[in-house]
PDB file of N, CA and C in Angstrom:
ATOM      1  N   MET A   1       0.876  -1.186  -0.107  1.00  0.00           N
ATOM      2  CA  MET A   1      -0.001   0.080   0.079  1.00  0.00           C
ATOM      3  C   MET A   1       0.778   1.260  -0.101  1.00  0.00           C
ATOM      4  N   ALA A   2       0.335   2.297  -0.668  1.00  0.00           N
ATOM      5  CA  ALA A   2       0.945   3.498  -0.592  1.00  0.00           C
ATOM      6  C   ALA A   2       1.032   4.118   0.459  1.00  0.00           C
ATOM      7  N   ALA A   3       1.861   5.236   0.704  1.00  0.00           N
ATOM      8  CA  ALA A   3       1.840   6.002   2.017  1.00  0.00           C
ATOM      9  C   ALA A   3       0.546   6.736   1.917  1.00  0.00           C
ATOM     10  N   GLN A   4       0.034   7.175   0.948  1.00  0.00           N
ATOM     11  CA  GLN A   4      -1.182   8.269   0.861  1.00  0.00           C
ATOM     12  C   GLN A   4      -2.399   7.208   1.435  1.00  0.00           C
ATOM     13  N   ALA A   5      -2.418   5.949   0.869  1.00  0.00           N
ATOM     14  CA  ALA A   5      -3.441   5.307   1.139  1.00  0.00           C
ATOM     15  C   ALA A   5      -3.534   4.974   3.016  1.00  0.00           C
ATOM     16  N   TRP A   6      -2.114   5.174   3.427  1.00  0.00           N
ATOM     17  CA  TRP A   6      -2.177   4.782   4.827  1.00  0.00           C
ATOM     18  C   TRP A   6      -2.740   5.789   5.394  1.00  0.00           C
ATOM     19  N   VAL A   7      -2.308   6.863   5.164  1.00  0.00           N
ATOM     20  CA  VAL A   7      -2.642   8.169   5.958  1.00  0.00           C
ATOM     21  C   VAL A   7      -4.060   8.303   5.775  1.00  0.00           C
ATOM     22  N   THR A   8      -4.658   8.034   4.671  1.00  0.00           N
ATOM     23  CA  THR A   8      -6.153   8.270   4.210  1.00  0.00           C
ATOM     24  C   THR A   8      -7.044   7.155   5.220  1.00  0.00           C
ATOM     25  N   LEU A   9      -6.304   6.163   5.258  1.00  0.00           N
ATOM     26  CA  LEU A   9      -6.779   4.935   6.315  1.00  0.00           C
ATOM     27  C   LEU A   9      -6.973   5.420   7.640  1.00  0.00           C
ATOM     28  N   ILE A  10      -5.869   5.957   8.225  1.00  0.00           N
ATOM     29  CA  ILE A  10      -5.455   6.425   9.564  1.00  0.00           C
ATOM     30  C   ILE A  10      -6.564   7.525   9.774  1.00  0.00           C
ATOM     31  N   VAL A  11      -6.645   8.511   8.888  1.00  0.00           N
ATOM     32  CA  VAL A  11      -7.605   9.736   9.176  1.00  0.00           C
ATOM     33  C   VAL A  11      -9.196   9.201   9.117  1.00  0.00           C
ATOM     34  N   GLY A  12      -9.369   8.552   8.408  1.00  0.00           N
ATOM     35  CA  GLY A  12     -10.605   7.513   8.453  1.00  0.00           C
ATOM     36  C   GLY A  12     -10.992   7.133   9.631  1.00  0.00           C
ATOM     37  N   VAL A  13     -10.256   6.385   9.943  1.00  0.00           N
ATOM     38  CA  VAL A  13     -10.512   5.512  11.316  1.00  0.00           C
ATOM     39  C   VAL A  13     -10.520   6.396  12.496  1.00  0.00           C
ATOM     40  N   SER A  14      -9.613   7.499  12.438  1.00  0.00           N
ATOM     41  CA  SER A  14      -9.553   8.547  13.825  1.00  0.00           C
ATOM     42  C   SER A  14     -10.765   9.599  13.665  1.00  0.00           C
ATOM     43  N   ALA A  15     -11.515   9.356  12.457  1.00  0.00           N
ATOM     44  CA  ALA A  15     -12.782  10.144  12.301  1.00  0.00           C
ATOM     45  C   ALA A  15     -13.797   9.496  12.799  1.00  0.00           C
ATOM     46  N   VAL A  16     -13.808   8.373  12.638  1.00  0.00           N
ATOM     47  CA  VAL A  16     -14.862   7.419  12.959  1.00  0.00           C
ATOM     48  C   VAL A  16     -14.959   7.330  14.616  1.00  0.00           C
ATOM     49  N   VAL A  17     -13.691   7.162  15.183  1.00  0.00           N
ATOM     50  CA  VAL A  17     -13.548   6.930  16.465  1.00  0.00           C
ATOM     51  C   VAL A  17     -13.868   8.139  17.316  1.00  0.00           C
ATOM     52  N   GLY A  18     -13.613   9.345  16.784  1.00  0.00           N
ATOM     53  CA  GLY A  18     -13.939  10.940  17.226  1.00  0.00           C
ATOM     54  C   GLY A  18     -15.506  10.878  17.287  1.00  0.00           C
ATOM     55  N   VAL A  19     -16.310  10.932  16.380  1.00  0.00           N
ATOM     56  CA  VAL A  19     -17.681  10.698  15.968  1.00  0.00           C
ATOM     57  C   VAL A  19     -18.328   9.710  17.034  1.00  0.00           C
ATOM     58  N   ALA A  20     -17.806   8.519  17.209  1.00  0.00           N
ATOM     59  CA  ALA A  20     -18.535   7.611  18.173  1.00  0.00           C
ATOM     60  C   ALA A  20     -18.062   8.036  19.859  1.00  0.00           C
ATOM     61  N   LEU A  21     -17.190   8.695  19.923  1.00  0.00           N
ATOM     62  CA  LEU A  21     -16.686   9.266  21.573  1.00  0.00           C
ATOM     63  C   LEU A  21     -17.714  10.569  21.488  1.00  0.00           C
ATOM     64  N   THR A  22     -17.879  11.114  20.686  1.00  0.00           N
ATOM     65  CA  THR A  22     -18.456  12.225  20.754  1.00  0.00           C
ATOM     66  C   THR A  22     -20.256  12.078  21.174  1.00  0.00           C
ATOM     67  N   ILE A  23     -20.559  11.136  20.306  1.00  0.00           N
ATOM     68  CA  ILE A  23     -21.993  10.520  20.463  1.00  0.00           C
ATOM     69  C   ILE A  23     -22.096   9.934  22.014  1.00  0.00           C
ATOM     70  N   ARG A  24     -21.120   9.109  22.312  1.00  0.00           N
ATOM     71  CA  ARG A  24     -21.327   8.633  23.590  1.00  0.00           C
ATOM     72  C   ARG A  24     -20.984   9.605  24.872  1.00  0.00           C
ATOM     73  N   GLN A  25     -20.419  10.505  24.677  1.00  0.00           N
ATOM     74  CA  GLN A  25     -20.220  11.724  25.509  1.00  0.00           C
ATOM     75  C   GLN A  25     -21.485  12.487  25.572  1.00  0.00           C
ATOM     76  N   ARG A  26     -22.156  12.713  24.621  1.00  0.00           N
ATOM     77  CA  ARG A  26     -23.525  13.021  24.615  1.00  0.00           C
ATOM     78  C   ARG A  26     -24.686  12.240  25.082  1.00  0.00           C
ATOM     79  N   THR A  27     -24.599  11.269  24.943  1.00  0.00           N
ATOM     80  CA  THR A  27     -25.695  10.339  25.615  1.00  0.00           C
ATOM     81  C   THR A  27     -25.373  10.254  27.029  1.00  0.00           C
ATOM     82  N   VAL A  28     -24.253  10.318  27.493  1.00  0.00           N
ATOM     83  CA  VAL A  28     -23.769  10.230  28.834  1.00  0.00           C
ATOM     84  C   VAL A  28     -24.492  11.563  29.432  1.00  0.00           C
ATOM     85  N   ALA A  29     -24.034  12.674  28.983  1.00  0.00           N
ATOM     86  CA  ALA A  29     -24.540  13.895  29.565  1.00  0.00           C
ATOM     87  C   ALA A  29     -25.936  14.078  29.568  1.00  0.00           C
ATOM     88  N   ASP A  30     -26.641  13.621  28.372  1.00  0.00           N
ATOM     89  CA  ASP A  30     -28.111  13.519  28.457  1.00  0.00           C
ATOM     90  C   ASP A  30     -28.787  12.892  29.555  1.00  0.00           C
ATOM     91  N   LYS A  31     -28.190  11.715  29.702  1.00  0.00           N
ATOM     92  CA  LYS A  31     -28.907  10.717  30.892  1.00  0.00           C
ATOM     93  C   LYS A  31     -28.723  11.524  32.338  1.00  0.00           C
ATOM     94  N   ARG A  32     -27.538  11.973  32.443  1.00  0.00           N
ATOM     95  CA  ARG A  32     -27.002  12.738  33.484  1.00  0.00           C
ATOM     96  C   ARG A  32     -27.945  13.961  33.688  1.00  0.00           C
ATOM     97  N   CYS A  33     -28.402  14.635  32.778  1.00  0.00           N
ATOM     98  CA  CYS A  33     -29.277  15.567  32.703  1.00  0.00           C
ATOM     99  C   CYS A  33     -30.583  15.161  33.343  1.00  0.00           C
ATOM    100  N   GLN A  34     -31.125  14.370  32.568  1.00  0.00           N
ATOM    101  CA  GLN A  34     -32.475  13.658  32.814  1.00  0.00           C
ATOM    102  C   GLN A  34     -32.593  13.119  33.971  1.00  0.00           C
ATOM    103  N   ALA A  35     -31.609  12.576  34.728  1.00  0.00           N
ATOM    104  CA  ALA A  35     -31.512  12.053  35.966  1.00  0.00           C
ATOM    105  C   ALA A  35     -31.570  13.249  36.970  1.00  0.00           C
ATOM    106  N   TRP A  36     -30.875  14.284  36.837  1.00  0.00           N
ATOM    107  CA  TRP A  36     -30.867  15.374  37.857  1.00  0.00           C
ATOM    108  C   TRP A  36     -32.285  16.215  37.746  1.00  0.00           C
ATOM    109  N   GLN A  37     -32.962  16.075  36.815  1.00  0.00           N
ATOM    110  CA  GLN A  37     -34.202  16.639  36.554  1.00  0.00           C
ATOM    111  C   GLN A  37     -35.397  15.722  37.506  1.00  0.00           C
ATOM    112  N   ARG A  38     -35.115  14.478  37.118  1.00  0.00           N
ATOM    113  CA  ARG A  38     -36.078  13.714  37.758  1.00  0.00           C
ATOM    114  C   ARG A  38     -35.819  13.980  39.571  1.00  0.00           C
ATOM    115  N   ILE A  39     -34.642  14.071  39.981  1.00  0.00           N
ATOM    116  CA  ILE A  39     -33.988  14.202  41.454  1.00  0.00           C
ATOM    117  C   ILE A  39     -34.813  15.255  41.954  1.00  0.00           C
ATOM    118  N   THR A  40     -34.343  16.467  41.223  1.00  0.00           N
ATOM    119  CA  THR A  40     -35.122  17.933  41.526  1.00  0.00           C
ATOM    120  C   THR A  40     -36.566  17.810  41.738  1.00  0.00           C
ATOM    121  N   TRP A  41     -37.188  17.362  40.648  1.00  0.00           N
ATOM    122  CA  TRP A  41     -38.765  17.218  40.640  1.00  0.00           C
ATOM    123  C   TRP A  41     -39.251  16.354  41.723  1.00  0.00           C
ATOM    124  N   CYS A  42     -38.562  15.187  42.071  1.00  0.00           N
ATOM    125  CA  CYS A  42     -38.747  14.484  43.450  1.00  0.00           C
ATOM    126  C   CYS A  42     -38.775  15.253  44.559  1.00  0.00           C
ATOM    127  N   LEU A  43     -37.600  16.048  44.675  1.00  0.00           N
ATOM    128  CA  LEU A  43     -37.482  16.673  46.065  1.00  0.00           C
ATOM    129  C   LEU A  43     -38.276  17.974  45.840  1.00  0.00           C
ATOM    130  N   ASP A  44     -38.360  18.609  44.784  1.00  0.00           N
ATOM    131  CA  ASP A  44     -39.768  19.658  44.909  1.00  0.00           C
ATOM    132  C   ASP A  44     -40.940  19.229  45.430  1.00  0.00           C
ATOM    133  N   HIS A  45     -41.377  18.032  44.911  1.00  0.00           N
ATOM    134  CA  HIS A  45     -42.831  17.621  45.451  1.00  0.00           C
ATOM    135  C   HIS A  45     -42.590  16.795  46.831  1.00  0.00           C
ATOM    136  N   THR A  46     -41.506  16.451  47.231  1.00  0.00           N
ATOM    137  CA  THR A  46     -41.395  15.974  48.368  1.00  0.00           C
ATOM    138  C   THR A  46     -41.521  17.259  49.515  1.00  0.00           C
ATOM    139  N   VAL A  47     -41.012  18.255  49.641  1.00  0.00           N
ATOM    140  CA  VAL A  47     -41.055  19.407  50.509  1.00  0.00           C
ATOM    141  C   VAL A  47     -42.051  19.981  49.976  1.00  0.00           C
ATOM    142  N   SER A  48     -43.023  20.220  49.116  1.00  0.00           N
ATOM    143  CA  SER A  48     -44.195  21.066  48.774  1.00  0.00           C
ATOM    144  C   SER A  48     -45.243  20.770  49.709  1.00  0.00           C
ATOM    145  N   ASP A  49     -45.937  22.021  50.104  1.00  0.00           N
ATOM    146  CA  ASP A  49     -46.914  21.990  50.698  1.00  0.00           C
ATOM    147  C   ASP A  49     -48.149  21.444  50.387  1.00  0.00           C
ATOM    148  N   GLU A  50     -48.278  21.700  48.987  1.00  0.00           N
ATOM    149  CA  GLU A  50     -49.499  20.958  48.136  1.00  0.00           C
ATOM    150  C   GLU A  50     -49.996  19.523  48.609  1.00  0.00           C
ATOM    151  N   ALA A  51     -51.199  19.177  48.900  1.00  0.00           N
ATOM    152  CA  ALA A  51     -51.594  17.939  49.353  1.00  0.00           C
ATOM    153  C   ALA A  51     -52.123  17.261  47.910  1.00  0.00           C
ATOM    154  N   GLY A  52     -52.109  17.748  46.621  1.00  0.00           N
ATOM    155  CA  GLY A  52     -52.822  16.759  45.650  1.00  0.00           C
ATOM    156  C   GLY A  52     -51.325  16.360  44.883  1.00  0.00           C
ATOM    157  N   LEU A  53     -51.673  15.481  44.103  1.00  0.00           N
ATOM    158  CA  LEU A  53     -50.297  14.832  43.361  1.00  0.00           C
ATOM    159  C   LEU A  53     -50.277  15.337  41.812  1.00  0.00           C
ATOM    160  N   GLY A  54     -50.730  16.577  41.775  1.00  0.00           N
ATOM    161  CA  GLY A  54     -50.763  17.077  40.355  1.00  0.00           C
ATOM    162  C   GLY A  54     -49.363  17.657  39.977  1.00  0.00           C
TER     163      GLY A  54
END
């Protein structure tokens, strides 16, 4: 294989790995945000003076 083909392969693989890591990081951040929203919702309703479940 020519050097140019190796460089192209390495750049392509690096790009795919970068995209995969970005998607994974975004998924983890979204799950963390959703969990925090649920925790704050529960805490707000736990300490609320309202009698209803609305």
